[in-house]
Amino acid sequence: MKRRVSRTASRGELSKAPAPRRLRLDLSFVGTRLYGWQSQAKGKTGQDELEAALASIQTGHSKLTGCSRTDSGVHARRFCAHVDITKRRSCEQILKGLNAALPPEIRVHRVSAVSSEFHARFACGGKTYKYFLYLGPVAPPALAPYLWAWQGRLDAALMAKSASLFEGEHDFALFTTADGRERNTRRAVTSCKVSINGPLLVITVEGPSFLHRMVRCIAGALAAVGSGRLNESDLLATLTGNSAGITVHALPAQALHLWDVRYPTEEATETYGDWPKPPSWVLEDCAR
């Protein structure tokens, strides 16, 4: 009778699990049918869709980390995320596989293999948001999902003059939600501008970080100044974080675009793809 011999692999024969490789994903998305970026119980988010696409191409991925949260309905012209993968896939294979699996409102433009020290959120050096108000009588249907059609008069010159009051470091406690007020509400705004391009009024806000709904509340406060409901003294009072009797309302999410995200130069060992040349985003030629 033959003896059954069990073969145990030697240490040299044991296959080592591949070391995780960190990928930077540069993407954009239309937020109309998304419940924001970060995964939540309510419905599909940008993070949900991208993680599902990563699973479909079998990357052996870890949790995806984005550069920012966005509210339901907010769009992102430029967005950045990172993820660690264990399966060997080229950046070209990953980019093509992701875009084949993703819904058309989310596109990955570039995939880069980067250092494990890179972090999409904490390495981000600054963000630019743009909010679009349409001042004409009827918003064209092709643009309507990406802007807010304002009803009534707005003094654009006064709004432009008042916008600079937001620049610098202030207490933005009145410019966020109850959840946002549970953290440090002091933030620095490096630039706040209002411009007019035909029937479009564009509010541009730049800074290193923002509270929940902060930019939408800044847009709401400027619109209140432009319509005569607030004056500059009221606006200054709101920036103390403790202004009794003054309420700042956030404008609707659909007109807010995360326009740009900035990072220090990051050396990649492999990269595939690039940002499309402008005009590649709705309202891009009107965003001056």
C-alpha atoms as a PDB file:
ATOM      1  CA  MET A   1       0.000   0.000   0.000  1.00  0.00           C
ATOM      2  CA  LYS A   2       1.389   3.408  -0.988  1.00  0.00           C
ATOM      3  CA  ARG A   3       1.971   5.907   1.718  1.00  0.00           C
ATOM      4  CA  ARG A   4       0.330   9.301   1.180  1.00  0.00           C
ATOM      5  CA  VAL A   5       2.985  11.961   1.376  1.00  0.00           C
ATOM      6  CA  SER A   6       2.000  15.507   2.112  1.00  0.00           C
ATOM      7  CA  ARG A   7       4.314  18.021   0.495  1.00  0.00           C
ATOM      8  CA  THR A   8       4.973  21.169   2.476  1.00  0.00           C
ATOM      9  CA  ALA A   9       6.452  24.063   0.563  1.00  0.00           C
ATOM     10  CA  SER A  10       9.771  25.351   1.791  1.00  0.00           C
ATOM     11  CA  ARG A  11      10.194  28.982   2.698  1.00  0.00           C
ATOM     12  CA  GLY A  12      11.783  29.651  -0.651  1.00  0.00           C
ATOM     13  CA  GLU A  13       8.804  28.130  -2.445  1.00  0.00           C
ATOM     14  CA  LEU A  14       6.209  30.187  -0.600  1.00  0.00           C
ATOM     15  CA  SER A  15       4.853  32.839  -2.907  1.00  0.00           C
ATOM     16  CA  LYS A  16       4.950  36.308  -1.444  1.00  0.00           C
ATOM     17  CA  ALA A  17       1.877  38.487  -1.708  1.00  0.00           C
ATOM     18  CA  PRO A  18       2.644  41.389  -4.042  1.00  0.00           C
ATOM     19  CA  ALA A  19       3.298  44.695  -2.317  1.00  0.00           C
ATOM     20  CA  PRO A  20       0.466  47.195  -2.747  1.00  0.00           C
ATOM     21  CA  ARG A  21       0.989  49.849  -5.389  1.00  0.00           C
ATOM     22  CA  ARG A  22      -0.534  53.311  -4.924  1.00  0.00           C
ATOM     23  CA  LEU A  23      -2.367  54.842  -7.868  1.00  0.00           C
ATOM     24  CA  ARG A  24      -3.417  58.439  -8.347  1.00  0.00           C
ATOM     25  CA  LEU A  25      -6.639  58.795 -10.348  1.00  0.00           C
ATOM     26  CA  ASP A  26      -7.410  62.159 -11.956  1.00  0.00           C
ATOM     27  CA  LEU A  27     -11.046  62.359 -12.971  1.00  0.00           C
ATOM     28  CA  SER A  28     -14.113  64.506 -13.503  1.00  0.00           C
ATOM     29  CA  PHE A  29     -17.806  63.894 -12.962  1.00  0.00           C
ATOM     30  CA  VAL A  30     -21.234  65.372 -13.508  1.00  0.00           C
ATOM     31  CA  GLY A  31     -22.972  65.279 -10.142  1.00  0.00           C
ATOM     32  CA  THR A  32     -26.600  65.607 -11.253  1.00  0.00           C
ATOM     33  CA  ARG A  33     -27.509  61.981 -10.465  1.00  0.00           C
ATOM     34  CA  LEU A  34     -24.907  61.413  -7.748  1.00  0.00           C
ATOM     35  CA  TYR A  35     -25.332  61.787  -3.998  1.00  0.00           C
ATOM     36  CA  GLY A  36     -21.967  63.534  -3.784  1.00  0.00           C
ATOM     37  CA  TRP A  37     -18.539  61.924  -3.800  1.00  0.00           C
ATOM     38  CA  GLN A  38     -18.283  60.096  -0.482  1.00  0.00           C
ATOM     39  CA  SER A  39     -20.030  56.761  -0.030  1.00  0.00           C
ATOM     40  CA  GLN A  40     -23.249  56.923   2.019  1.00  0.00           C
ATOM     41  CA  ALA A  41     -26.472  55.034   2.600  1.00  0.00           C
ATOM     42  CA  LYS A  42     -28.730  57.352   0.567  1.00  0.00           C
ATOM     43  CA  GLY A  43     -27.744  56.369  -2.954  1.00  0.00           C
ATOM     44  CA  LYS A  44     -24.995  56.081  -5.541  1.00  0.00           C
ATOM     45  CA  THR A  45     -21.975  58.331  -5.092  1.00  0.00           C
ATOM     46  CA  GLY A  46     -18.845  58.958  -7.110  1.00  0.00           C
ATOM     47  CA  GLN A  47     -16.847  56.809  -4.696  1.00  0.00           C
ATOM     48  CA  ASP A  48     -19.357  53.942  -5.005  1.00  0.00           C
ATOM     49  CA  GLU A  49     -19.230  53.990  -8.797  1.00  0.00           C
ATOM     50  CA  LEU A  50     -15.439  54.117  -8.976  1.00  0.00           C
ATOM     51  CA  GLU A  51     -14.962  51.353  -6.383  1.00  0.00           C
ATOM     52  CA  ALA A  52     -17.408  49.159  -8.294  1.00  0.00           C
ATOM     53  CA  ALA A  53     -15.429  49.800 -11.494  1.00  0.00           C
ATOM     54  CA  LEU A  54     -12.154  48.911  -9.735  1.00  0.00           C
ATOM     55  CA  ALA A  55     -13.716  45.658  -8.507  1.00  0.00           C
ATOM     56  CA  SER A  56     -14.937  44.811 -12.007  1.00  0.00           C
ATOM     57  CA  ILE A  57     -11.409  44.868 -13.409  1.00  0.00           C
ATOM     58  CA  GLN A  58     -10.072  42.876 -10.437  1.00  0.00           C
ATOM     59  CA  THR A  59      -7.350  45.177  -9.133  1.00  0.00           C
ATOM     60  CA  GLY A  60      -7.324  43.858  -5.562  1.00  0.00           C
ATOM     61  CA  HIS A  61      -7.934  47.406  -4.385  1.00  0.00           C
ATOM     62  CA  SER A  62      -8.199  48.972  -0.955  1.00  0.00           C
ATOM     63  CA  LYS A  63     -10.629  51.722  -0.001  1.00  0.00           C
ATOM     64  CA  LEU A  64     -10.639  54.678  -2.368  1.00  0.00           C
ATOM     65  CA  THR A  65      -9.762  58.111  -0.919  1.00  0.00           C
ATOM     66  CA  GLY A  66     -10.901  61.333  -2.612  1.00  0.00           C
ATOM     67  CA  CYS A  67      -9.505  64.851  -2.409  1.00  0.00           C
ATOM     68  CA  SER A  68     -12.771  66.281  -1.098  1.00  0.00           C
ATOM     69  CA  ARG A  69     -16.344  65.561  -0.192  1.00  0.00           C
ATOM     70  CA  THR A  70     -18.946  67.121  -2.460  1.00  0.00           C
ATOM     71  CA  ASP A  71     -22.641  67.690  -1.822  1.00  0.00           C
ATOM     72  CA  SER A  72     -25.322  65.833  -3.723  1.00  0.00           C
ATOM     73  CA  GLY A  73     -25.628  67.402  -7.179  1.00  0.00           C
ATOM     74  CA  VAL A  74     -22.265  69.203  -7.162  1.00  0.00           C
ATOM     75  CA  HIS A  75     -20.056  68.718 -10.243  1.00  0.00           C
ATOM     76  CA  ALA A  76     -16.280  68.256 -10.435  1.00  0.00           C
ATOM     77  CA  ARG A  77     -14.352  69.513 -13.442  1.00  0.00           C
ATOM     78  CA  ARG A  78     -11.192  68.246 -11.771  1.00  0.00           C
ATOM     79  CA  PHE A  79     -11.023  65.720  -8.954  1.00  0.00           C
ATOM     80  CA  CYS A  80      -8.288  63.489  -7.580  1.00  0.00           C
ATOM     81  CA  ALA A  81      -8.392  60.183  -5.682  1.00  0.00           C
ATOM     82  CA  HIS A  82      -5.882  57.554  -4.643  1.00  0.00           C
ATOM     83  CA  VAL A  83      -6.141  53.808  -4.145  1.00  0.00           C
ATOM     84  CA  ASP A  84      -3.782  50.936  -3.350  1.00  0.00           C
ATOM     85  CA  ILE A  85      -3.916  47.840  -5.571  1.00  0.00           C
ATOM     86  CA  THR A  86      -2.202  44.447  -5.348  1.00  0.00           C
ATOM     87  CA  LYS A  87      -2.908  42.967  -8.785  1.00  0.00           C
ATOM     88  CA  ARG A  88      -0.469  43.729 -11.569  1.00  0.00           C
ATOM     89  CA  ARG A  89      -2.221  45.983 -14.040  1.00  0.00           C
ATOM     90  CA  SER A  90      -0.644  48.679 -16.185  1.00  0.00           C
ATOM     91  CA  CYS A  91      -1.913  52.249 -15.872  1.00  0.00           C
ATOM     92  CA  GLU A  92      -3.185  51.984 -19.437  1.00  0.00           C
ATOM     93  CA  GLN A  93      -5.165  48.827 -18.639  1.00  0.00           C
ATOM     94  CA  ILE A  94      -6.643  50.422 -15.535  1.00  0.00           C
ATOM     95  CA  LEU A  95      -7.664  53.669 -17.245  1.00  0.00           C
ATOM     96  CA  LYS A  96      -9.309  51.861 -20.156  1.00  0.00           C
ATOM     97  CA  GLY A  97     -10.946  49.290 -17.890  1.00  0.00           C
ATOM     98  CA  LEU A  98     -12.340  51.903 -15.512  1.00  0.00           C
ATOM     99  CA  ASN A  99     -13.862  54.047 -18.246  1.00  0.00           C
ATOM    100  CA  ALA A 100     -15.420  50.966 -19.838  1.00  0.00           C
ATOM    101  CA  ALA A 101     -17.072  50.087 -16.517  1.00  0.00           C
ATOM    102  CA  LEU A 102     -18.030  53.575 -15.317  1.00  0.00           C
ATOM    103  CA  PRO A 103     -21.248  55.413 -16.209  1.00  0.00           C
ATOM    104  CA  PRO A 104     -20.662  58.161 -18.799  1.00  0.00           C
ATOM    105  CA  GLU A 105     -21.037  60.975 -16.254  1.00  0.00           C
ATOM    106  CA  ILE A 106     -17.754  59.886 -14.608  1.00  0.00           C
ATOM    107  CA  ARG A 107     -14.506  59.811 -16.594  1.00  0.00           C
ATOM    108  CA  VAL A 108     -10.991  58.979 -15.429  1.00  0.00           C
ATOM    109  CA  HIS A 109      -8.532  61.048 -17.479  1.00  0.00           C
ATOM    110  CA  ARG A 110      -5.199  59.937 -16.048  1.00  0.00           C
ATOM    111  CA  VAL A 111      -3.853  57.051 -13.950  1.00  0.00           C
ATOM    112  CA  SER A 112      -0.412  57.352 -12.324  1.00  0.00           C
ATOM    113  CA  ALA A 113       1.640  55.023 -10.136  1.00  0.00           C
ATOM    114  CA  VAL A 114       2.911  57.235  -7.304  1.00  0.00           C
ATOM    115  CA  SER A 115       4.695  57.035  -3.973  1.00  0.00           C
ATOM    116  CA  SER A 116       2.865  55.439  -1.042  1.00  0.00           C
ATOM    117  CA  GLU A 117       3.270  58.816   0.679  1.00  0.00           C
ATOM    118  CA  PHE A 118       0.891  60.513  -1.766  1.00  0.00           C
ATOM    119  CA  HIS A 119      -2.517  61.268  -0.251  1.00  0.00           C
ATOM    120  CA  ALA A 120      -5.299  62.730  -2.395  1.00  0.00           C
ATOM    121  CA  ARG A 121      -6.804  64.662   0.513  1.00  0.00           C
ATOM    122  CA  PHE A 122      -3.861  65.688   2.696  1.00  0.00           C
ATOM    123  CA  ALA A 123      -1.417  66.448  -0.145  1.00  0.00           C
ATOM    124  CA  CYS A 124      -3.874  68.783  -1.874  1.00  0.00           C
ATOM    125  CA  GLY A 125      -2.436  72.291  -1.809  1.00  0.00           C
ATOM    126  CA  GLY A 126      -5.592  74.163  -2.786  1.00  0.00           C
ATOM    127  CA  LYS A 127      -8.977  74.042  -4.473  1.00  0.00           C
ATOM    128  CA  THR A 128     -10.904  76.356  -6.763  1.00  0.00           C
ATOM    129  CA  TYR A 129     -14.694  76.373  -6.868  1.00  0.00           C
ATOM    130  CA  LYS A 130     -16.926  78.215  -9.332  1.00  0.00           C
ATOM    131  CA  TYR A 131     -20.607  78.975  -8.874  1.00  0.00           C
ATOM    132  CA  PHE A 132     -22.663  79.967 -11.940  1.00  0.00           C
ATOM    133  CA  LEU A 133     -25.735  82.210 -11.788  1.00  0.00           C
ATOM    134  CA  TYR A 134     -27.750  82.789 -14.961  1.00  0.00           C
ATOM    135  CA  LEU A 135     -29.226  86.295 -15.093  1.00  0.00           C
ATOM    136  CA  GLY A 136     -31.009  86.039 -18.441  1.00  0.00           C
ATOM    137  CA  PRO A 137     -34.766  85.503 -18.810  1.00  0.00           C
ATOM    138  CA  VAL A 138     -34.593  81.758 -19.673  1.00  0.00           C
ATOM    139  CA  ALA A 139     -31.627  79.414 -19.164  1.00  0.00           C
ATOM    140  CA  PRO A 140     -30.850  77.277 -22.248  1.00  0.00           C
ATOM    141  CA  PRO A 141     -31.746  73.621 -21.558  1.00  0.00           C
ATOM    142  CA  ALA A 142     -28.217  72.392 -22.342  1.00  0.00           C
ATOM    143  CA  LEU A 143     -26.821  74.615 -19.585  1.00  0.00           C
ATOM    144  CA  ALA A 144     -29.681  74.501 -17.079  1.00  0.00           C
ATOM    145  CA  PRO A 145     -28.388  71.466 -15.086  1.00  0.00           C
ATOM    146  CA  TYR A 146     -25.069  73.247 -14.449  1.00  0.00           C
ATOM    147  CA  LEU A 147     -26.182  76.673 -13.244  1.00  0.00           C
ATOM    148  CA  TRP A 148     -28.824  78.399 -11.148  1.00  0.00           C
ATOM    149  CA  ALA A 149     -31.286  80.669 -12.967  1.00  0.00           C
ATOM    150  CA  TRP A 150     -31.619  83.712 -10.731  1.00  0.00           C
ATOM    151  CA  GLN A 151     -35.025  85.342 -10.540  1.00  0.00           C
ATOM    152  CA  GLY A 152     -34.871  89.066  -9.874  1.00  0.00           C
ATOM    153  CA  ARG A 153     -32.308  91.848  -9.877  1.00  0.00           C
ATOM    154  CA  LEU A 154     -28.680  91.475  -8.834  1.00  0.00           C
ATOM    155  CA  ASP A 155     -26.155  94.294  -8.487  1.00  0.00           C
ATOM    156  CA  ALA A 156     -23.118  92.522  -9.929  1.00  0.00           C
ATOM    157  CA  ALA A 157     -20.798  95.486  -9.314  1.00  0.00           C
ATOM    158  CA  LEU A 158     -21.680  95.549  -5.611  1.00  0.00           C
ATOM    159  CA  MET A 159     -21.223  91.775  -5.387  1.00  0.00           C
ATOM    160  CA  ALA A 160     -17.787  92.064  -7.018  1.00  0.00           C
ATOM    161  CA  LYS A 161     -16.801  94.781  -4.535  1.00  0.00           C
ATOM    162  CA  SER A 162     -18.073  92.773  -1.558  1.00  0.00           C
ATOM    163  CA  ALA A 163     -16.412  89.497  -2.630  1.00  0.00           C
ATOM    164  CA  SER A 164     -12.993  90.672  -1.418  1.00  0.00           C
ATOM    165  CA  LEU A 165     -14.335  90.801   2.160  1.00  0.00           C
ATOM    166  CA  PHE A 166     -14.155  86.997   2.237  1.00  0.00           C
ATOM    167  CA  GLU A 167     -10.425  86.959   1.495  1.00  0.00           C
ATOM    168  CA  GLY A 168      -8.161  86.171   4.422  1.00  0.00           C
ATOM    169  CA  GLU A 169      -8.811  84.046   7.489  1.00  0.00           C
ATOM    170  CA  HIS A 170     -12.253  84.289   9.087  1.00  0.00           C
ATOM    171  CA  ASP A 171     -14.662  82.324  11.249  1.00  0.00           C
ATOM    172  CA  PHE A 172     -17.095  80.696   8.802  1.00  0.00           C
ATOM    173  CA  ALA A 173     -19.401  79.182  11.451  1.00  0.00           C
ATOM    174  CA  LEU A 174     -22.426  80.853   9.806  1.00  0.00           C
ATOM    175  CA  PHE A 175     -21.390  79.474   6.418  1.00  0.00           C
ATOM    176  CA  THR A 176     -21.734  75.775   7.154  1.00  0.00           C
ATOM    177  CA  THR A 177     -24.102  73.153   8.551  1.00  0.00           C
ATOM    178  CA  ALA A 178     -24.566  72.067  12.165  1.00  0.00           C
ATOM    179  CA  ASP A 179     -22.171  69.173  11.485  1.00  0.00           C
ATOM    180  CA  GLY A 180     -19.619  71.595  10.077  1.00  0.00           C
ATOM    181  CA  ARG A 181     -19.820  73.746  13.214  1.00  0.00           C
ATOM    182  CA  GLU A 182     -18.663  70.801  15.329  1.00  0.00           C
ATOM    183  CA  ARG A 183     -15.110  71.313  14.016  1.00  0.00           C
ATOM    184  CA  ASN A 184     -12.803  74.312  13.822  1.00  0.00           C
ATOM    185  CA  THR A 185     -14.711  76.801  11.667  1.00  0.00           C
ATOM    186  CA  ARG A 186     -11.821  79.148  10.901  1.00  0.00           C
ATOM    187  CA  ARG A 187     -10.796  78.922   7.259  1.00  0.00           C
ATOM    188  CA  ALA A 188      -8.601  80.952   4.909  1.00  0.00           C
ATOM    189  CA  VAL A 189      -9.890  82.136   1.542  1.00  0.00           C
ATOM    190  CA  THR A 190      -7.042  83.109  -0.758  1.00  0.00           C
ATOM    191  CA  SER A 191      -9.242  84.622  -3.478  1.00  0.00           C
ATOM    192  CA  CYS A 192     -12.922  85.460  -3.968  1.00  0.00           C
ATOM    193  CA  LYS A 193     -13.989  87.094  -7.225  1.00  0.00           C
ATOM    194  CA  VAL A 194     -17.216  87.889  -9.084  1.00  0.00           C
ATOM    195  CA  SER A 195     -17.196  88.269 -12.871  1.00  0.00           C
ATOM    196  CA  ILE A 196     -19.825  88.753 -15.576  1.00  0.00           C
ATOM    197  CA  ASN A 197     -19.790  87.059 -18.973  1.00  0.00           C
ATOM    198  CA  GLY A 198     -22.963  87.949 -20.860  1.00  0.00           C
ATOM    199  CA  PRO A 199     -25.923  86.606 -18.869  1.00  0.00           C
ATOM    200  CA  LEU A 200     -23.636  84.532 -16.620  1.00  0.00           C
ATOM    201  CA  LEU A 201     -22.417  85.737 -13.242  1.00  0.00           C
ATOM    202  CA  VAL A 202     -19.487  83.625 -12.015  1.00  0.00           C
ATOM    203  CA  ILE A 203     -18.389  83.477  -8.374  1.00  0.00           C
ATOM    204  CA  THR A 204     -14.872  82.033  -7.998  1.00  0.00           C
ATOM    205  CA  VAL A 205     -13.548  81.024  -4.579  1.00  0.00           C
ATOM    206  CA  GLU A 206     -10.083  79.631  -3.875  1.00  0.00           C
ATOM    207  CA  GLY A 207      -8.548  78.283  -0.695  1.00  0.00           C
ATOM    208  CA  PRO A 208      -6.696  75.389   0.919  1.00  0.00           C
ATOM    209  CA  SER A 209      -9.796  73.807   2.496  1.00  0.00           C
ATOM    210  CA  PHE A 210     -13.512  74.433   2.941  1.00  0.00           C
ATOM    211  CA  LEU A 211     -16.280  73.568   5.389  1.00  0.00           C
ATOM    212  CA  HIS A 212     -19.399  71.650   4.377  1.00  0.00           C
ATOM    213  CA  ARG A 213     -21.536  73.932   2.124  1.00  0.00           C
ATOM    214  CA  MET A 214     -19.177  76.852   2.735  1.00  0.00           C
ATOM    215  CA  VAL A 215     -18.842  77.923  -0.918  1.00  0.00           C
ATOM    216  CA  ARG A 216     -22.589  77.627  -1.526  1.00  0.00           C
ATOM    217  CA  CYS A 217     -23.162  79.835   1.534  1.00  0.00           C
ATOM    218  CA  ILE A 218     -20.608  82.375   0.303  1.00  0.00           C
ATOM    219  CA  ALA A 219     -22.494  82.469  -3.013  1.00  0.00           C
ATOM    220  CA  GLY A 220     -25.770  82.871  -1.094  1.00  0.00           C
ATOM    221  CA  ALA A 221     -24.387  85.742   0.980  1.00  0.00           C
ATOM    222  CA  LEU A 222     -23.087  87.547  -2.110  1.00  0.00           C
ATOM    223  CA  ALA A 223     -26.438  87.085  -3.845  1.00  0.00           C
ATOM    224  CA  ALA A 224     -28.121  88.537  -0.743  1.00  0.00           C
ATOM    225  CA  VAL A 225     -25.850  91.579  -1.014  1.00  0.00           C
ATOM    226  CA  GLY A 226     -26.569  91.880  -4.738  1.00  0.00           C
ATOM    227  CA  SER A 227     -30.320  91.753  -4.155  1.00  0.00           C
ATOM    228  CA  GLY A 228     -30.220  94.269  -1.274  1.00  0.00           C
ATOM    229  CA  ARG A 229     -31.108  91.853   1.554  1.00  0.00           C
ATOM    230  CA  LEU A 230     -27.669  92.233   3.173  1.00  0.00           C
ATOM    231  CA  ASN A 231     -25.173  95.076   3.168  1.00  0.00           C
ATOM    232  CA  GLU A 232     -21.417  95.045   3.561  1.00  0.00           C
ATOM    233  CA  SER A 233     -21.650  95.675   7.294  1.00  0.00           C
ATOM    234  CA  ASP A 234     -23.887  92.611   7.637  1.00  0.00           C
ATOM    235  CA  LEU A 235     -21.394  90.598   5.625  1.00  0.00           C
ATOM    236  CA  LEU A 236     -18.511  91.646   7.858  1.00  0.00           C
ATOM    237  CA  ALA A 237     -20.583  90.732  10.910  1.00  0.00           C
ATOM    238  CA  THR A 238     -21.245  87.222   9.581  1.00  0.00           C
ATOM    239  CA  LEU A 239     -17.495  86.602   9.328  1.00  0.00           C
ATOM    240  CA  THR A 240     -17.060  86.926  13.084  1.00  0.00           C
ATOM    241  CA  GLY A 241     -18.882  83.599  13.439  1.00  0.00           C
ATOM    242  CA  ASN A 242     -21.274  85.019  16.028  1.00  0.00           C
ATOM    243  CA  SER A 243     -23.743  87.383  14.357  1.00  0.00           C
ATOM    244  CA  ALA A 244     -27.159  87.212  15.988  1.00  0.00           C
ATOM    245  CA  GLY A 245     -30.140  87.824  13.711  1.00  0.00           C
ATOM    246  CA  ILE A 246     -28.346  87.259  10.391  1.00  0.00           C
ATOM    247  CA  THR A 247     -28.898  83.995   8.522  1.00  0.00           C
ATOM    248  CA  VAL A 248     -26.788  82.913   5.571  1.00  0.00           C
ATOM    249  CA  HIS A 249     -28.562  80.641   3.079  1.00  0.00           C
ATOM    250  CA  ALA A 250     -26.759  78.217   0.775  1.00  0.00           C
ATOM    251  CA  LEU A 251     -27.592  78.452  -2.917  1.00  0.00           C
ATOM    252  CA  PRO A 252     -28.563  75.186  -4.730  1.00  0.00           C
ATOM    253  CA  ALA A 253     -25.860  72.578  -5.330  1.00  0.00           C
ATOM    254  CA  GLN A 254     -26.418  72.118  -9.073  1.00  0.00           C
ATOM    255  CA  ALA A 255     -24.547  75.331  -9.996  1.00  0.00           C
ATOM    256  CA  LEU A 256     -21.407  74.549  -7.976  1.00  0.00           C
ATOM    257  CA  HIS A 257     -18.341  73.097  -9.727  1.00  0.00           C
ATOM    258  CA  LEU A 258     -15.130  71.913  -8.096  1.00  0.00           C
ATOM    259  CA  TRP A 259     -13.096  73.570 -10.808  1.00  0.00           C
ATOM    260  CA  ASP A 260      -9.508  72.744  -9.969  1.00  0.00           C
ATOM    261  CA  VAL A 261      -7.342  70.940  -7.397  1.00  0.00           C
ATOM    262  CA  ARG A 262      -3.640  71.694  -6.960  1.00  0.00           C
ATOM    263  CA  TYR A 263      -0.816  69.439  -5.801  1.00  0.00           C
ATOM    264  CA  PRO A 264       2.948  69.762  -5.440  1.00  0.00           C
ATOM    265  CA  THR A 265       4.844  68.117  -8.280  1.00  0.00           C
ATOM    266  CA  GLU A 266       4.498  64.370  -7.831  1.00  0.00           C
ATOM    267  CA  GLU A 267       6.956  62.025  -9.523  1.00  0.00           C
ATOM    268  CA  ALA A 268       5.202  59.015 -11.062  1.00  0.00           C
ATOM    269  CA  THR A 269       6.902  55.735 -11.971  1.00  0.00           C
ATOM    270  CA  GLU A 270       4.229  55.128 -14.607  1.00  0.00           C
ATOM    271  CA  THR A 271       1.412  57.228 -15.995  1.00  0.00           C
ATOM    272  CA  TYR A 272      -1.178  56.986 -18.736  1.00  0.00           C
ATOM    273  CA  GLY A 273      -3.626  59.574 -20.024  1.00  0.00           C
ATOM    274  CA  ASP A 274      -3.923  63.326 -19.511  1.00  0.00           C
ATOM    275  CA  TRP A 275      -6.465  66.058 -18.986  1.00  0.00           C
ATOM    276  CA  PRO A 276      -8.430  66.816 -22.167  1.00  0.00           C
ATOM    277  CA  LYS A 277      -7.663  70.141 -23.764  1.00  0.00           C
ATOM    278  CA  PRO A 278     -10.219  72.922 -23.190  1.00  0.00           C
ATOM    279  CA  PRO A 279     -12.982  73.496 -23.831  1.00  0.00           C
ATOM    280  CA  SER A 280     -13.642  70.096 -22.286  1.00  0.00           C
ATOM    281  CA  TRP A 281     -16.133  71.078 -19.602  1.00  0.00           C
ATOM    282  CA  VAL A 282     -19.528  72.732 -19.816  1.00  0.00           C
ATOM    283  CA  LEU A 283     -19.296  76.517 -19.199  1.00  0.00           C
ATOM    284  CA  GLU A 284     -15.482  76.372 -19.453  1.00  0.00           C
ATOM    285  CA  ASP A 285     -15.368  79.088 -22.107  1.00  0.00           C
ATOM    286  CA  CYS A 286     -17.639  81.274 -19.935  1.00  0.00           C
ATOM    287  CA  ALA A 287     -15.644  80.916 -16.699  1.00  0.00           C
ATOM    288  CA  ARG A 288     -13.304  83.871 -17.070  1.00  0.00           C
END
